[in-house]
Structure formats: structure tokens, C-alpha cells
Amino acid sequence: MPRKLIFSDIDGTLVHISDDALLTWGTVSEDGHTFDSRQGASIAIRPLPPSSTGTQAFISEKTLQLVSEIRRSGHLFVLISGARSSTFMERLPYLPAADAYVMENGGRIFLPSRDAATAVPIVEDLEWRGRHEAAPMVLESVPPSDRPGVLWDLYTKLQKDGWICDANKYSTDFRVSLKKSKGKTAADLEKVISNLPPQLSSSFNLGMADIYPSSSGKDKAAEYLMTKFGFAREDSISMGDDDNDLALAQIVGHTYIPGFTAESVRKAVAANPLAFTVASHGAFLGTHEVLERIQELPIRSNRPLLVCSVVVLSLIVLAARRRHRRA
């Protein structure tokens, strides 16, 4: 089996948010460095910087170790998230080193660079960024309502219509909150999504609707990287837990689920169970379980082919010598 290209979501997959769902699997110590699971395991964790919305999340030391070992074995690992750029960048020193970093639901891709003379040696893939005509490149300091493009035209319209939209520190994405939009119903939000212009797409993440260019999305970003890195569908896999991970699951060979955040993911697994591997545990133990399963995937070596070629060549030379002696 050849090496794999692994796309991993962050929140709910590699990283776990401090909420009621996490508490069903165990408790976090007051200093945020230990998670005591219901199964009796004491897991070393580290707290990440809170997100711009105040969300506190944690990653386990074992998760960092497992991802490092997977990469050292020859697989490529990509972090792919719906998080806004500022949250992603603030978390970067706490996340696993990877071969690519994708944020804003696929809108932006950063790649490691040996030539980057910066403290964090990664650079944005501007070829990919330039493809999103619905959200042209402008300075992030420009207010969303003043930005050009179909994405920001819709943002301005929804704001005027009474929707609470979050575009803080987003460049290629904004988030619509049904909960915070007074007087709005789920049917109203469904109408907004069903009437999106063709240049825009949407998915749900952490219970809110993310709207972004149709040229973006986790699936489109993954396809771009599969081509860039030279991986076929059958040699690509994903890890995820939420609705915005499902389109990505459809374009890779297999998907690993450390836990369920969205009911849509449960339905997808039920509809096509052979396409998914679901962890038997939750939270950090679920993450460890799926990473260990990926770690067990063998990598095809060229050594047997080389040895076989040497043997065949030796036999040919030996036969030639025997013919020469007889002559």
C-alpha cells in the first residue's frame, strides 16, 4: 500500500472543546493539563488559546506524538479547518506540524517553506487564494461591508435583513448565527442557503452556517492539494466529525470519525458504513484510536522490487557466462 495523504479537521477531531459533550467523556483538571476519562485513563493535554468567540479547547500530548510518528513514517498530513485565520494562527504553536494548513473552510492554504525568513516558516498559496473571484483579495483591515465580491454583497444584504453575521478576521468566509438572529427561524436560514447565488456554497460548522465561495470548501481545497502533492483519491483519507467534513469525505478513499458533532455525519455513516471507520471511544481516546489505526496502515516499499530486479539481473549474467564458456 502506498503512502497516504491525510486530511484532518481540527475542532472535534484533533482538538476537543470544553463543553457538555466533552464532559460526558471525562473531566479537565483546573490547570487544563490533565483529562481524566470515564474509562479511568489520565491523559496529558495542553490548553489552546481561546478562540475569538471565547471557546476553550485542548489537544492531547499523545495526539501530537501520533501525528509526528505518522509523518515520519512517510504519510503526508494536512490540517483542514473551518476556523478563521486569526484563530488558526494563534493556535499554530500548539497544533501538530503538518505538510499544509487549510483554514476558513478551504478558502486559504498555507504551505511550509524553507525560504520563509519568519518565526513560523509558512507562506500562503496565492495561486489558490486568487481563484476565489467571489471574495477577491483585499487587506483584512477593510470592513466586510466595503469589500468587493459576491460573498461580501450577500454579507451586507443579510446584515440589513436582520441576520447576525460574523466576518471578524475572516477573508474568504463568514458565519451566520441562527441562535443570535432574533425573530429568525431554521426555515428562514434554509431559505437563505437554498437561494445562494451559484458563486457561493454553504455548510454547517459548530451549529452555525458558514458561507464561502463555491471555488472554496474543504473538498475543493483537498482536491487542489491532492493534485499538487500527486495523490489519487484511493490514497487519500480524511478525519472529521461535523457537517462541513462530509463533502471532503466524498472525495477521499476513506474517512475516520473520532466522534459525532453533527447528526448529518451519523446519517452519512449509516448510509455508507464501508466508507467510514468510527472510533469506539470519544473525545481524546477517540482521536488516539483513529490515529493509531492510520498509523497501522502499511507503506509499500520499493525494496522487494529492487531485490527482485537484482536477482533477475544476476541470473541473466550467470546464464550469459555459461553460454560464453560453452562456446
Protein backbone atom coordinates (compact mmCIF):
# COMPACT_ATOMS: atom_id res chain seq x y z
CA MET A 1 0.00 0.00 0.00
CA PRO A 2 1.43 3.44 -0.96
CA ARG A 3 1.77 6.28 1.49
CA LYS A 4 -1.35 8.29 2.31
CA LEU A 5 -2.39 11.92 2.15
CA ILE A 6 -4.34 12.56 5.35
CA PHE A 7 -6.73 15.49 5.76
CA SER A 8 -7.66 16.13 9.37
CA ASP A 9 -10.25 18.51 10.75
CA ILE A 10 -9.25 20.25 13.98
CA ASP A 11 -12.15 21.10 16.35
CA GLY A 12 -13.91 17.93 17.48
CA THR A 13 -11.33 15.78 15.71
CA LEU A 14 -7.76 16.53 16.82
CA VAL A 15 -8.78 19.19 19.33
CA HIS A 16 -11.65 18.99 21.80
CA ILE A 17 -13.72 21.91 23.02
CA SER A 18 -14.56 22.36 26.69
CA ASP A 19 -18.32 21.85 26.60
CA ASP A 20 -21.02 19.48 27.82
CA ALA A 21 -20.13 16.93 25.12
CA LEU A 22 -16.56 16.70 26.41
CA LEU A 23 -17.77 16.34 29.99
CA THR A 24 -19.71 13.20 29.04
CA TRP A 25 -16.34 11.53 28.43
CA GLY A 26 -14.42 12.85 31.45
CA THR A 27 -13.20 15.93 33.29
CA VAL A 28 -10.48 18.51 32.70
CA SER A 29 -8.23 19.47 35.60
CA GLU A 30 -8.29 23.05 36.88
CA ASP A 31 -4.92 23.82 35.32
CA GLY A 32 -6.08 22.41 31.96
CA HIS A 33 -3.22 19.90 31.65
CA THR A 34 -4.95 16.61 32.51
CA PHE A 35 -8.08 14.89 31.27
CA ASP A 36 -9.46 12.07 33.42
CA SER A 37 -11.62 9.89 31.20
CA ARG A 38 -14.64 7.86 32.33
CA GLN A 39 -12.64 4.78 31.33
CA GLY A 40 -10.09 5.57 34.04
CA ALA A 41 -7.32 6.92 31.77
CA SER A 42 -5.42 10.02 32.82
CA ILE A 43 -4.46 11.87 29.63
CA ALA A 44 -1.88 14.65 29.40
CA ILE A 45 -3.34 17.60 27.48
CA ARG A 46 -2.48 21.21 26.81
CA PRO A 47 -4.90 24.16 26.55
CA LEU A 48 -5.03 26.15 23.34
CA PRO A 49 -5.52 29.93 23.23
CA PRO A 50 -9.26 30.73 23.41
CA SER A 51 -10.89 31.44 20.07
CA SER A 52 -12.23 34.89 19.17
CA THR A 53 -15.64 33.73 20.47
CA GLY A 54 -14.13 32.64 23.79
CA THR A 55 -14.18 28.91 23.11
CA GLN A 56 -11.59 26.95 25.11
CA ALA A 57 -10.13 23.85 23.51
CA PHE A 58 -7.48 21.24 24.35
CA ILE A 59 -5.17 18.88 22.50
CA SER A 60 -3.51 15.81 23.97
CA GLU A 61 0.23 15.23 24.05
CA LYS A 62 -0.36 11.78 22.58
CA THR A 63 -2.19 13.29 19.59
CA LEU A 64 0.85 15.44 18.83
CA GLN A 65 3.12 12.42 19.17
CA LEU A 66 0.97 10.20 16.93
CA VAL A 67 0.74 12.77 14.13
CA SER A 68 4.51 13.25 14.28
CA GLU A 69 5.07 9.50 14.02
CA ILE A 70 2.61 9.20 11.11
CA ARG A 71 4.51 11.87 9.17
CA ARG A 72 7.87 10.31 9.97
CA SER A 73 6.63 7.00 8.55
CA GLY A 74 6.14 8.67 5.16
CA HIS A 75 2.50 9.80 5.12
CA LEU A 76 1.57 13.44 4.45
CA PHE A 77 -0.68 15.20 6.97
CA VAL A 78 -2.85 18.26 6.30
CA LEU A 79 -4.72 20.31 8.91
CA ILE A 80 -8.01 21.48 7.35
CA SER A 81 -10.45 23.60 9.33
CA GLY A 82 -13.37 25.98 9.16
CA ALA A 83 -11.63 28.22 11.69
CA ARG A 84 -10.98 31.85 10.87
CA SER A 85 -7.39 32.77 10.03
CA SER A 86 -6.70 34.59 13.31
CA THR A 87 -7.81 31.64 15.46
CA PHE A 88 -5.83 29.20 13.32
CA MET A 89 -2.66 31.29 13.51
CA GLU A 90 -2.95 31.80 17.26
CA ARG A 91 -3.29 28.06 17.72
CA LEU A 92 -0.47 27.13 15.34
CA PRO A 93 2.27 26.75 18.01
CA TYR A 94 0.03 24.24 19.81
CA LEU A 95 -1.05 22.18 16.79
CA PRO A 96 0.81 19.30 15.09
CA ALA A 97 3.37 20.21 12.46
CA ALA A 98 1.84 19.42 9.06
CA ASP A 99 2.51 19.42 5.32
CA ALA A 100 -0.19 22.02 4.63
CA TYR A 101 -2.51 24.20 6.69
CA VAL A 102 -6.02 24.93 5.37
CA MET A 103 -8.41 27.35 7.06
CA GLU A 104 -11.71 29.19 6.53
CA ASN A 105 -13.40 26.08 5.09
CA GLY A 106 -10.76 25.72 2.42
CA GLY A 107 -10.54 29.39 1.47
CA ARG A 108 -6.89 29.80 2.42
CA ILE A 109 -3.96 27.37 2.19
CA PHE A 110 -0.55 27.85 3.78
CA LEU A 111 2.44 25.67 2.96
CA PRO A 112 5.76 25.12 4.78
CA SER A 113 8.64 26.99 3.15
CA ARG A 114 12.36 26.68 3.79
CA ASP A 115 12.80 30.11 2.22
CA ALA A 116 10.42 31.86 4.62
CA ALA A 117 12.55 34.07 6.88
CA THR A 118 9.86 34.16 9.56
CA ALA A 119 9.38 32.70 13.02
CA VAL A 120 6.71 30.39 11.60
CA PRO A 121 8.09 29.35 8.17
CA ILE A 122 4.87 29.01 6.20
CA VAL A 123 3.61 31.02 3.22
CA GLU A 124 0.17 31.40 1.69
CA ASP A 125 -0.54 29.67 -1.61
CA LEU A 126 -1.59 32.77 -3.54
CA GLU A 127 -2.43 30.76 -6.66
CA TRP A 128 -5.19 29.06 -4.67
CA ARG A 129 -6.27 32.28 -2.95
CA GLY A 130 -6.58 34.04 -6.31
CA ARG A 131 -9.13 31.50 -7.57
CA HIS A 132 -11.89 32.83 -5.31
CA GLU A 133 -13.44 35.51 -7.50
CA ALA A 134 -16.42 35.75 -5.14
CA ALA A 135 -14.04 37.05 -2.45
CA PRO A 136 -11.19 38.97 -4.11
CA MET A 137 -8.00 39.58 -2.12
CA VAL A 138 -8.09 42.76 -0.06
CA LEU A 139 -6.47 43.81 3.21
CA GLU A 140 -8.13 42.11 6.19
CA SER A 141 -8.47 45.55 7.80
CA VAL A 142 -11.08 46.51 5.18
CA PRO A 143 -14.58 46.24 6.74
CA PRO A 144 -16.58 43.35 5.23
CA SER A 145 -19.31 45.71 4.01
CA ASP A 146 -16.69 47.62 2.00
CA ARG A 147 -15.12 44.58 0.35
CA PRO A 148 -15.77 43.71 -3.30
CA GLY A 149 -17.24 40.39 -4.41
CA VAL A 150 -20.44 38.36 -4.29
CA LEU A 151 -19.61 36.94 -0.86
CA TRP A 152 -19.49 40.34 0.79
CA ASP A 153 -22.52 41.61 -1.14
CA LEU A 154 -24.50 38.80 0.48
CA TYR A 155 -22.98 39.55 3.88
CA THR A 156 -24.16 43.16 3.64
CA LYS A 157 -27.63 42.11 2.50
CA LEU A 158 -28.08 39.58 5.30
CA GLN A 159 -26.97 42.10 7.89
CA LYS A 160 -29.57 44.55 6.62
CA ASP A 161 -32.19 41.78 6.74
CA GLY A 162 -31.59 41.26 10.45
CA TRP A 163 -29.21 38.31 10.39
CA ILE A 164 -26.26 38.26 12.79
CA CYS A 165 -23.25 37.54 10.60
CA ASP A 166 -19.72 37.05 11.87
CA ALA A 167 -16.94 38.08 9.49
CA ASN A 168 -14.43 39.06 12.16
CA LYS A 169 -10.93 38.10 10.93
CA TYR A 170 -12.37 36.11 8.01
CA SER A 171 -11.09 36.72 4.47
CA THR A 172 -13.00 34.13 2.43
CA ASP A 173 -15.87 33.11 4.69
CA PHE A 174 -18.50 34.43 7.06
CA ARG A 175 -20.70 32.74 9.61
CA VAL A 176 -24.45 33.14 10.14
CA SER A 177 -25.84 32.54 13.63
CA LEU A 178 -29.46 31.45 13.80
CA LYS A 179 -29.37 31.49 17.60
CA LYS A 180 -28.33 35.15 17.75
CA SER A 181 -30.59 36.36 14.93
CA LYS A 182 -33.77 37.44 16.72
CA GLY A 183 -37.01 36.55 15.02
CA LYS A 184 -35.34 34.23 12.53
CA THR A 185 -36.23 30.55 12.17
CA ALA A 186 -34.47 27.48 10.86
CA ALA A 187 -36.79 27.66 7.84
CA ASP A 188 -35.61 31.23 7.21
CA LEU A 189 -31.99 30.11 7.26
CA GLU A 190 -32.74 27.18 4.96
CA LYS A 191 -34.32 29.64 2.52
CA VAL A 192 -31.18 31.79 2.58
CA ILE A 193 -28.99 28.76 1.86
CA SER A 194 -31.26 27.36 -0.87
CA ASN A 195 -31.22 30.74 -2.64
CA LEU A 196 -27.46 31.25 -2.60
CA PRO A 197 -26.04 32.52 -5.89
CA PRO A 198 -24.04 29.88 -7.84
CA GLN A 199 -20.76 31.56 -6.86
CA LEU A 200 -21.37 30.67 -3.19
CA SER A 201 -21.68 27.48 -1.12
CA SER A 202 -22.51 26.69 2.50
CA SER A 203 -22.07 24.08 5.21
CA PHE A 204 -22.72 23.89 8.92
CA ASN A 205 -19.92 24.03 11.46
CA LEU A 206 -20.38 24.02 15.24
CA GLY A 207 -24.11 24.57 14.73
CA MET A 208 -23.77 27.69 12.53
CA ALA A 209 -23.95 28.22 8.77
CA ASP A 210 -20.68 29.07 7.05
CA ILE A 211 -20.95 30.77 3.66
CA TYR A 212 -17.96 30.87 1.30
CA PRO A 213 -17.04 30.89 -2.42
CA SER A 214 -18.05 27.82 -4.41
CA SER A 215 -14.45 27.65 -5.57
CA SER A 216 -13.56 27.00 -1.93
CA GLY A 217 -14.78 24.40 0.58
CA LYS A 218 -12.77 21.67 2.26
CA ASP A 219 -13.39 19.31 -0.67
CA LYS A 220 -12.14 21.75 -3.31
CA ALA A 221 -9.05 22.62 -1.25
CA ALA A 222 -8.34 18.91 -0.74
CA GLU A 223 -8.66 18.19 -4.47
CA TYR A 224 -6.21 21.01 -5.17
CA LEU A 225 -3.69 19.58 -2.70
CA MET A 226 -4.19 16.02 -3.97
CA THR A 227 -3.17 17.25 -7.41
CA LYS A 228 -0.34 19.38 -6.05
CA PHE A 229 1.11 16.52 -3.97
CA GLY A 230 0.38 13.82 -6.58
CA PHE A 231 -2.11 11.64 -4.67
CA ALA A 232 -5.06 9.73 -6.11
CA ARG A 233 -8.42 9.50 -4.36
CA GLU A 234 -7.77 5.96 -3.13
CA ASP A 235 -4.53 7.10 -1.49
CA SER A 236 -6.20 9.99 0.36
CA ILE A 237 -8.11 9.75 3.63
CA SER A 238 -9.81 12.19 5.98
CA MET A 239 -10.68 12.64 9.64
CA GLY A 240 -13.73 14.63 10.69
CA ASP A 241 -16.78 14.95 12.89
CA ASP A 242 -19.01 17.75 11.58
CA ASP A 243 -21.27 18.62 8.66
CA ASN A 244 -18.57 20.62 6.89
CA ASP A 245 -16.41 17.46 6.74
CA LEU A 246 -18.90 15.47 4.63
CA ALA A 247 -18.08 16.92 1.21
CA LEU A 248 -14.42 16.12 1.90
CA ALA A 249 -15.37 12.56 2.87
CA GLN A 250 -16.95 12.08 -0.57
CA ILE A 251 -13.72 12.76 -2.49
CA VAL A 252 -11.27 10.62 -0.48
CA GLY A 253 -10.86 6.86 -0.23
CA HIS A 254 -11.89 6.51 3.41
CA THR A 255 -12.86 8.66 6.40
CA TYR A 256 -12.16 8.18 10.11
CA ILE A 257 -14.62 9.54 12.67
CA PRO A 258 -13.31 10.09 16.23
CA GLY A 259 -16.76 11.26 17.35
CA PHE A 260 -20.01 12.81 16.14
CA THR A 261 -20.75 16.54 16.35
CA ALA A 262 -23.49 16.70 13.69
CA GLU A 263 -26.42 14.37 13.11
CA SER A 264 -25.72 14.62 9.37
CA VAL A 265 -22.46 12.75 9.95
CA ARG A 266 -24.30 9.91 11.72
CA LYS A 267 -26.68 9.66 8.78
CA ALA A 268 -23.79 9.59 6.29
CA VAL A 269 -22.13 6.75 8.19
CA ALA A 270 -25.40 4.81 8.38
CA ALA A 271 -25.96 5.26 4.65
CA ASN A 272 -22.46 4.10 3.64
CA PRO A 273 -20.76 2.34 6.58
CA LEU A 274 -17.94 0.87 4.46
CA ALA A 275 -16.69 4.39 3.69
CA PHE A 276 -16.14 5.23 7.35
CA THR A 277 -14.31 3.94 10.41
CA VAL A 278 -15.89 5.16 13.65
CA ALA A 279 -13.98 5.20 16.94
CA SER A 280 -15.39 3.10 19.76
CA HIS A 281 -14.41 5.78 22.30
CA GLY A 282 -15.00 9.52 22.38
CA ALA A 283 -13.02 12.72 22.96
CA PHE A 284 -9.23 12.28 23.24
CA LEU A 285 -9.42 8.47 23.32
CA GLY A 286 -11.39 8.53 20.06
CA THR A 287 -8.74 10.73 18.46
CA HIS A 288 -5.99 8.40 19.64
CA GLU A 289 -7.89 5.37 18.34
CA VAL A 290 -8.30 6.65 14.77
CA LEU A 291 -4.73 8.00 14.60
CA GLU A 292 -3.41 4.62 15.74
CA ARG A 293 -5.49 2.91 13.04
CA ILE A 294 -3.99 5.24 10.44
CA GLN A 295 -0.53 4.63 11.90
CA GLU A 296 -1.01 0.90 11.31
CA LEU A 297 -1.55 1.39 7.57
CA PRO A 298 1.43 -0.20 5.79
CA ILE A 299 3.51 1.73 3.29
CA ARG A 300 4.55 -0.09 0.16
CA SER A 301 8.32 -0.29 -0.14
CA ASN A 302 10.27 -0.45 -3.39
CA ARG A 303 12.79 -2.77 -1.73
CA PRO A 304 11.15 -6.07 -2.80
CA LEU A 305 11.03 -4.83 -6.41
CA LEU A 306 14.68 -3.79 -6.20
CA VAL A 307 15.73 -7.13 -4.75
CA CYS A 308 13.74 -8.98 -7.43
CA SER A 309 15.38 -6.90 -10.17
CA VAL A 310 18.86 -7.63 -8.81
CA VAL A 311 18.11 -11.37 -8.68
CA VAL A 312 16.79 -11.41 -12.26
CA LEU A 313 19.80 -9.43 -13.48
CA SER A 314 22.17 -11.83 -11.70
CA LEU A 315 20.50 -14.83 -13.34
CA ILE A 316 20.80 -13.21 -16.77
CA VAL A 317 24.53 -12.52 -16.25
CA LEU A 318 25.10 -16.07 -14.96
CA ALA A 319 23.34 -17.57 -17.99
CA ALA A 320 25.41 -15.41 -20.34
CA ARG A 321 28.64 -16.55 -18.73
CA ARG A 322 27.64 -20.20 -19.08
CA ARG A 323 26.86 -19.72 -22.77
CA HIS A 324 30.22 -18.00 -23.24
CA ARG A 325 32.10 -20.91 -21.59
CA ARG A 326 30.32 -23.48 -23.79
CA ALA A 327 31.27 -21.50 -26.85
